[in-house]
């Protein structure tokens, strides 16, 4: 699993994930708030499967260079 989520992207994902989970726990938005686990985990791991499928890489440290 090579990192494909950049620093700012990771921060945004973690914040959004925590907000959604917090709203779910408080009962404000119901069970759909638990979808916040997805951005939270991808932010913590630095890897997004959807980015991989679409060929997106926001991680500046891991360029999309192919080995020779």
PDB file of N, CA and C in Angstrom:
ATOM      1  N   UNK A   1       0.836  -1.174   0.000  1.00  0.00           N
ATOM      2  CA  UNK A   1       0.000   0.000   0.000  1.00  0.00           C
ATOM      3  C   UNK A   1       0.885   1.243   0.000  1.00  0.00           C
ATOM      4  N   UNK A   2       0.984   1.896  -1.136  1.00  0.00           N
ATOM      5  CA  UNK A   2       1.794   3.105  -1.232  1.00  0.00           C
ATOM      6  C   UNK A   2       0.916   4.314  -0.947  1.00  0.00           C
ATOM      7  N   UNK A   3       1.433   5.244  -0.157  1.00  0.00           N
ATOM      8  CA  UNK A   3       0.679   6.448   0.191  1.00  0.00           C
ATOM      9  C   UNK A   3       0.301   7.218  -1.067  1.00  0.00           C
ATOM     10  N   UNK A   4      -0.949   7.692  -1.104  1.00  0.00           N
ATOM     11  CA  UNK A   4      -1.395   8.496  -2.228  1.00  0.00           C
ATOM     12  C   UNK A   4      -2.237   9.689  -1.784  1.00  0.00           C
ATOM     13  N   UNK A   5      -2.226   9.975  -0.475  1.00  0.00           N
ATOM     14  CA  UNK A   5      -2.980  11.090   0.078  1.00  0.00           C
ATOM     15  C   UNK A   5      -1.990  12.072   0.695  1.00  0.00           C
ATOM     16  N   UNK A   6      -2.014  13.308   0.219  1.00  0.00           N
ATOM     17  CA  UNK A   6      -1.093  14.333   0.686  1.00  0.00           C
ATOM     18  C   UNK A   6      -1.437  14.874   2.068  1.00  0.00           C
ATOM     19  N   UNK A   7      -0.567  15.728   2.574  1.00  0.00           N
ATOM     20  CA  UNK A   7      -0.687  16.247   3.941  1.00  0.00           C
ATOM     21  C   UNK A   7      -1.992  17.010   4.169  1.00  0.00           C
ATOM     22  N   UNK A   8      -2.290  17.993   3.320  1.00  0.00           N
ATOM     23  CA  UNK A   8      -3.509  18.779   3.496  1.00  0.00           C
ATOM     24  C   UNK A   8      -4.740  17.894   3.323  1.00  0.00           C
ATOM     25  N   UNK A   9      -4.699  17.020   2.347  1.00  0.00           N
ATOM     26  CA  UNK A   9      -5.792  16.083   2.100  1.00  0.00           C
ATOM     27  C   UNK A   9      -6.030  15.203   3.331  1.00  0.00           C
ATOM     28  N   UNK A  10      -4.964  14.745   3.947  1.00  0.00           N
ATOM     29  CA  UNK A  10      -5.080  13.901   5.140  1.00  0.00           C
ATOM     30  C   UNK A  10      -5.723  14.660   6.289  1.00  0.00           C
ATOM     31  N   UNK A  11      -5.290  15.896   6.497  1.00  0.00           N
ATOM     32  CA  UNK A  11      -5.840  16.711   7.590  1.00  0.00           C
ATOM     33  C   UNK A  11      -7.334  16.925   7.388  1.00  0.00           C
ATOM     34  N   UNK A  12      -7.723  17.275   6.164  1.00  0.00           N
ATOM     35  CA  UNK A  12      -9.143  17.500   5.861  1.00  0.00           C
ATOM     36  C   UNK A  12      -9.946  16.224   6.087  1.00  0.00           C
ATOM     37  N   UNK A  13      -9.435  15.091   5.637  1.00  0.00           N
ATOM     38  CA  UNK A  13     -10.138  13.822   5.808  1.00  0.00           C
ATOM     39  C   UNK A  13     -10.322  13.478   7.286  1.00  0.00           C
ATOM     40  N   UNK A  14      -9.278  13.679   8.083  1.00  0.00           N
ATOM     41  CA  UNK A  14      -9.364  13.365   9.510  1.00  0.00           C
ATOM     42  C   UNK A  14     -10.383  14.266  10.198  1.00  0.00           C
ATOM     43  N   UNK A  15     -10.346  15.561   9.900  1.00  0.00           N
ATOM     44  CA  UNK A  15     -11.278  16.504  10.527  1.00  0.00           C
ATOM     45  C   UNK A  15     -12.718  16.173  10.127  1.00  0.00           C
ATOM     46  N   UNK A  16     -12.957  15.977   8.833  1.00  0.00           N
ATOM     47  CA  UNK A  16     -14.309  15.657   8.361  1.00  0.00           C
ATOM     48  C   UNK A  16     -14.792  14.346   8.970  1.00  0.00           C
ATOM     49  N   UNK A  17     -13.922  13.348   9.011  1.00  0.00           N
ATOM     50  CA  UNK A  17     -14.295  12.063   9.601  1.00  0.00           C
ATOM     51  C   UNK A  17     -14.678  12.188  11.062  1.00  0.00           C
ATOM     52  N   UNK A  18     -13.888  12.925  11.822  1.00  0.00           N
ATOM     53  CA  UNK A  18     -14.185  13.107  13.242  1.00  0.00           C
ATOM     54  C   UNK A  18     -15.488  13.881  13.454  1.00  0.00           C
ATOM     55  N   UNK A  19     -15.721  14.891  12.621  1.00  0.00           N
ATOM     56  CA  UNK A  19     -16.967  15.656  12.735  1.00  0.00           C
ATOM     57  C   UNK A  19     -18.174  14.763  12.452  1.00  0.00           C
ATOM     58  N   UNK A  20     -18.111  13.991  11.387  1.00  0.00           N
ATOM     59  CA  UNK A  20     -19.229  13.105  11.053  1.00  0.00           C
ATOM     60  C   UNK A  20     -19.480  12.068  12.141  1.00  0.00           C
ATOM     61  N   UNK A  21     -18.414  11.486  12.663  1.00  0.00           N
ATOM     62  CA  UNK A  21     -18.566  10.492  13.730  1.00  0.00           C
ATOM     63  C   UNK A  21     -19.138  11.147  14.987  1.00  0.00           C
ATOM     64  N   UNK A  22     -18.656  12.332  15.309  1.00  0.00           N
ATOM     65  CA  UNK A  22     -19.179  13.065  16.464  1.00  0.00           C
ATOM     66  C   UNK A  22     -20.666  13.370  16.325  1.00  0.00           C
ATOM     67  N   UNK A  23     -21.073  13.769  15.128  1.00  0.00           N
ATOM     68  CA  UNK A  23     -22.490  14.037  14.888  1.00  0.00           C
ATOM     69  C   UNK A  23     -23.326  12.768  14.971  1.00  0.00           C
ATOM     70  N   UNK A  24     -22.759  11.654  14.544  1.00  0.00           N
ATOM     71  CA  UNK A  24     -23.473  10.372  14.643  1.00  0.00           C
ATOM     72  C   UNK A  24     -23.632   9.947  16.095  1.00  0.00           C
ATOM     73  N   UNK A  25     -22.575  10.113  16.872  1.00  0.00           N
ATOM     74  CA  UNK A  25     -22.611   9.725  18.292  1.00  0.00           C
ATOM     75  C   UNK A  25     -23.632  10.574  19.053  1.00  0.00           C
ATOM     76  N   UNK A  26     -23.701  11.863  18.699  1.00  0.00           N
ATOM     77  CA  UNK A  26     -24.640  12.747  19.392  1.00  0.00           C
ATOM     78  C   UNK A  26     -26.072  12.583  18.895  1.00  0.00           C
ATOM     79  N   UNK A  27     -26.260  11.823  17.824  1.00  0.00           N
ATOM     80  CA  UNK A  27     -27.597  11.588  17.301  1.00  0.00           C
ATOM     81  C   UNK A  27     -28.101  12.694  16.388  1.00  0.00           C
ATOM     82  N   UNK A  28     -27.244  13.624  16.037  1.00  0.00           N
ATOM     83  CA  UNK A  28     -27.649  14.761  15.211  1.00  0.00           C
ATOM     84  C   UNK A  28     -27.969  14.343  13.778  1.00  0.00           C
ATOM     85  N   UNK A  29     -27.143  13.492  13.180  1.00  0.00           N
ATOM     86  CA  UNK A  29     -27.379  13.112  11.790  1.00  0.00           C
ATOM     87  C   UNK A  29     -27.683  11.629  11.624  1.00  0.00           C
ATOM     88  N   UNK A  30     -27.808  10.930  12.693  1.00  0.00           N
ATOM     89  CA  UNK A  30     -28.185   9.520  12.617  1.00  0.00           C
ATOM     90  C   UNK A  30     -27.031   8.608  12.213  1.00  0.00           C
ATOM     91  N   UNK A  31     -27.410   7.439  11.765  1.00  0.00           N
ATOM     92  CA  UNK A  31     -26.441   6.385  11.472  1.00  0.00           C
ATOM     93  C   UNK A  31     -25.533   6.737  10.300  1.00  0.00           C
ATOM     94  N   UNK A  32     -25.978   7.608   9.389  1.00  0.00           N
ATOM     95  CA  UNK A  32     -25.172   7.966   8.219  1.00  0.00           C
ATOM     96  C   UNK A  32     -23.875   8.653   8.618  1.00  0.00           C
ATOM     97  N   UNK A  33     -23.783   9.196   9.795  1.00  0.00           N
ATOM     98  CA  UNK A  33     -22.561   9.838  10.250  1.00  0.00           C
ATOM     99  C   UNK A  33     -21.396   8.877  10.396  1.00  0.00           C
ATOM    100  N   UNK A  34     -21.699   7.603  10.562  1.00  0.00           N
ATOM    101  CA  UNK A  34     -20.637   6.606  10.700  1.00  0.00           C
ATOM    102  C   UNK A  34     -19.852   6.419   9.406  1.00  0.00           C
ATOM    103  N   UNK A  35     -20.355   6.984   8.311  1.00  0.00           N
ATOM    104  CA  UNK A  35     -19.599   6.953   7.058  1.00  0.00           C
ATOM    105  C   UNK A  35     -18.294   7.740   7.243  1.00  0.00           C
ATOM    106  N   UNK A  36     -18.233   8.548   8.286  1.00  0.00           N
ATOM    107  CA  UNK A  36     -17.028   9.300   8.618  1.00  0.00           C
ATOM    108  C   UNK A  36     -15.834   8.411   8.925  1.00  0.00           C
ATOM    109  N   UNK A  37     -16.080   7.137   9.173  1.00  0.00           N
ATOM    110  CA  UNK A  37     -14.974   6.207   9.392  1.00  0.00           C
ATOM    111  C   UNK A  37     -14.099   6.081   8.150  1.00  0.00           C
ATOM    112  N   UNK A  38     -14.703   6.183   6.970  1.00  0.00           N
ATOM    113  CA  UNK A  38     -13.933   6.041   5.728  1.00  0.00           C
ATOM    114  C   UNK A  38     -12.909   7.159   5.545  1.00  0.00           C
ATOM    115  N   UNK A  39     -13.314   8.432   5.603  1.00  0.00           N
ATOM    116  CA  UNK A  39     -12.293   9.468   5.465  1.00  0.00           C
ATOM    117  C   UNK A  39     -11.305   9.476   6.639  1.00  0.00           C
ATOM    118  N   UNK A  40     -11.783   9.133   7.829  1.00  0.00           N
ATOM    119  CA  UNK A  40     -10.883   9.093   8.987  1.00  0.00           C
ATOM    120  C   UNK A  40      -9.794   8.051   8.780  1.00  0.00           C
ATOM    121  N   UNK A  41     -10.164   6.859   8.380  1.00  0.00           N
ATOM    122  CA  UNK A  41      -9.177   5.799   8.174  1.00  0.00           C
ATOM    123  C   UNK A  41      -8.237   6.110   7.016  1.00  0.00           C
ATOM    124  N   UNK A  42      -8.783   6.630   5.919  1.00  0.00           N
ATOM    125  CA  UNK A  42      -7.907   6.947   4.785  1.00  0.00           C
ATOM    126  C   UNK A  42      -6.966   8.093   5.141  1.00  0.00           C
ATOM    127  N   UNK A  43      -7.415   9.021   5.986  1.00  0.00           N
ATOM    128  CA  UNK A  43      -6.538  10.096   6.428  1.00  0.00           C
ATOM    129  C   UNK A  43      -5.439   9.592   7.351  1.00  0.00           C
ATOM    130  N   UNK A  44      -5.793   8.696   8.239  1.00  0.00           N
ATOM    131  CA  UNK A  44      -4.803   8.156   9.172  1.00  0.00           C
ATOM    132  C   UNK A  44      -3.796   7.246   8.465  1.00  0.00           C
ATOM    133  N   UNK A  45      -4.263   6.481   7.493  1.00  0.00           N
ATOM    134  CA  UNK A  45      -3.386   5.559   6.778  1.00  0.00           C
ATOM    135  C   UNK A  45      -2.615   6.227   5.645  1.00  0.00           C
ATOM    136  N   UNK A  46      -3.139   7.342   5.134  1.00  0.00           N
ATOM    137  CA  UNK A  46      -2.493   8.024   4.013  1.00  0.00           C
ATOM    138  C   UNK A  46      -2.729   7.329   2.685  1.00  0.00           C
ATOM    139  N   UNK A  47      -3.741   6.491   2.635  1.00  0.00           N
ATOM    140  CA  UNK A  47      -4.038   5.717   1.433  1.00  0.00           C
ATOM    141  C   UNK A  47      -5.537   5.734   1.163  1.00  0.00           C
ATOM    142  N   UNK A  48      -5.912   6.001  -0.078  1.00  0.00           N
ATOM    143  CA  UNK A  48      -7.312   6.006  -0.477  1.00  0.00           C
ATOM    144  C   UNK A  48      -7.483   5.080  -1.674  1.00  0.00           C
ATOM    145  N   UNK A  49      -8.324   4.067  -1.532  1.00  0.00           N
ATOM    146  CA  UNK A  49      -8.536   3.106  -2.603  1.00  0.00           C
ATOM    147  C   UNK A  49      -9.163   3.772  -3.825  1.00  0.00           C
ATOM    148  N   UNK A  50     -10.082   4.707  -3.615  1.00  0.00           N
ATOM    149  CA  UNK A  50     -10.707   5.397  -4.740  1.00  0.00           C
ATOM    150  C   UNK A  50      -9.677   6.198  -5.530  1.00  0.00           C
ATOM    151  N   UNK A  51      -8.760   6.859  -4.830  1.00  0.00           N
ATOM    152  CA  UNK A  51      -7.678   7.579  -5.509  1.00  0.00           C
ATOM    153  C   UNK A  51      -6.853   6.614  -6.355  1.00  0.00           C
ATOM    154  N   UNK A  52      -6.603   5.452  -5.813  1.00  0.00           N
ATOM    155  CA  UNK A  52      -5.811   4.456  -6.538  1.00  0.00           C
ATOM    156  C   UNK A  52      -6.516   4.018  -7.823  1.00  0.00           C
ATOM    157  N   UNK A  53      -7.813   3.767  -7.705  1.00  0.00           N
ATOM    158  CA  UNK A  53      -8.589   3.346  -8.867  1.00  0.00           C
ATOM    159  C   UNK A  53      -8.637   4.430  -9.943  1.00  0.00           C
ATOM    160  N   UNK A  54      -8.677   5.702  -9.511  1.00  0.00           N
ATOM    161  CA  UNK A  54      -8.756   6.819 -10.447  1.00  0.00           C
ATOM    162  C   UNK A  54      -7.392   7.338 -10.877  1.00  0.00           C
ATOM    163  N   UNK A  55      -6.322   6.814 -10.278  1.00  0.00           N
ATOM    164  CA  UNK A  55      -4.972   7.242 -10.625  1.00  0.00           C
ATOM    165  C   UNK A  55      -4.603   8.601 -10.062  1.00  0.00           C
ATOM    166  N   UNK A  56      -5.229   8.990  -8.961  1.00  0.00           N
ATOM    167  CA  UNK A  56      -4.963  10.279  -8.327  1.00  0.00           C
ATOM    168  C   UNK A  56      -3.917  10.096  -7.235  1.00  0.00           C
ATOM    169  N   UNK A  57      -2.998  11.042  -7.135  1.00  0.00           N
ATOM    170  CA  UNK A  57      -1.977  11.003  -6.091  1.00  0.00           C
ATOM    171  C   UNK A  57      -1.717  12.424  -5.622  1.00  0.00           C
ATOM    172  N   UNK A  58      -2.158  12.759  -4.405  1.00  0.00           N
ATOM    173  CA  UNK A  58      -1.929  14.093  -3.856  1.00  0.00           C
ATOM    174  C   UNK A  58      -0.728  14.122  -2.926  1.00  0.00           C
ATOM    175  N   UNK A  59      -0.063  13.004  -2.792  1.00  0.00           N
ATOM    176  CA  UNK A  59       1.108  12.899  -1.927  1.00  0.00           C
ATOM    177  C   UNK A  59       2.345  13.348  -2.703  1.00  0.00           C
ATOM    178  N   UNK A  60       2.918  14.465  -2.325  1.00  0.00           N
ATOM    179  CA  UNK A  60       4.085  14.985  -3.017  1.00  0.00           C
ATOM    180  C   UNK A  60       5.330  14.150  -2.794  1.00  0.00           C
ATOM    181  N   UNK A  61       5.380  13.404  -1.694  1.00  0.00           N
ATOM    182  CA  UNK A  61       6.569  12.626  -1.369  1.00  0.00           C
ATOM    183  C   UNK A  61       6.648  11.329  -2.159  1.00  0.00           C
ATOM    184  N   UNK A  62       5.548  10.892  -2.698  1.00  0.00           N
ATOM    185  CA  UNK A  62       5.511   9.613  -3.397  1.00  0.00           C
ATOM    186  C   UNK A  62       5.045   9.833  -4.830  1.00  0.00           C
ATOM    187  N   UNK A  63       5.883  10.378  -5.634  1.00  0.00           N
ATOM    188  CA  UNK A  63       5.509  10.667  -7.019  1.00  0.00           C
ATOM    189  C   UNK A  63       5.062   9.426  -7.757  1.00  0.00           C
ATOM    190  N   UNK A  64       4.403   9.624  -8.839  1.00  0.00           N
ATOM    191  CA  UNK A  64       3.901   8.488  -9.607  1.00  0.00           C
ATOM    192  C   UNK A  64       4.932   8.022 -10.626  1.00  0.00           C
ATOM    193  N   UNK A  65       6.193   7.980 -10.219  1.00  0.00           N
ATOM    194  CA  UNK A  65       7.262   7.507 -11.101  1.00  0.00           C
ATOM    195  C   UNK A  65       7.198   5.999 -11.198  1.00  0.00           C
ATOM    196  N   UNK A  66       7.377   5.501 -12.391  1.00  0.00           N
ATOM    197  CA  UNK A  66       7.375   4.055 -12.575  1.00  0.00           C
ATOM    198  C   UNK A  66       8.824   3.579 -12.584  1.00  0.00           C
ATOM    199  N   UNK A  67       9.104   2.447 -11.941  1.00  0.00           N
ATOM    200  CA  UNK A  67      10.468   1.941 -11.912  1.00  0.00           C
ATOM    201  C   UNK A  67      10.931   1.562 -13.324  1.00  0.00           C
ATOM    202  N   UNK A  68      12.208   1.767 -13.585  1.00  0.00           N
ATOM    203  CA  UNK A  68      12.772   1.426 -14.897  1.00  0.00           C
ATOM    204  C   UNK A  68      12.947  -0.064 -15.044  1.00  0.00           C
TER     205      UNK A  68
END
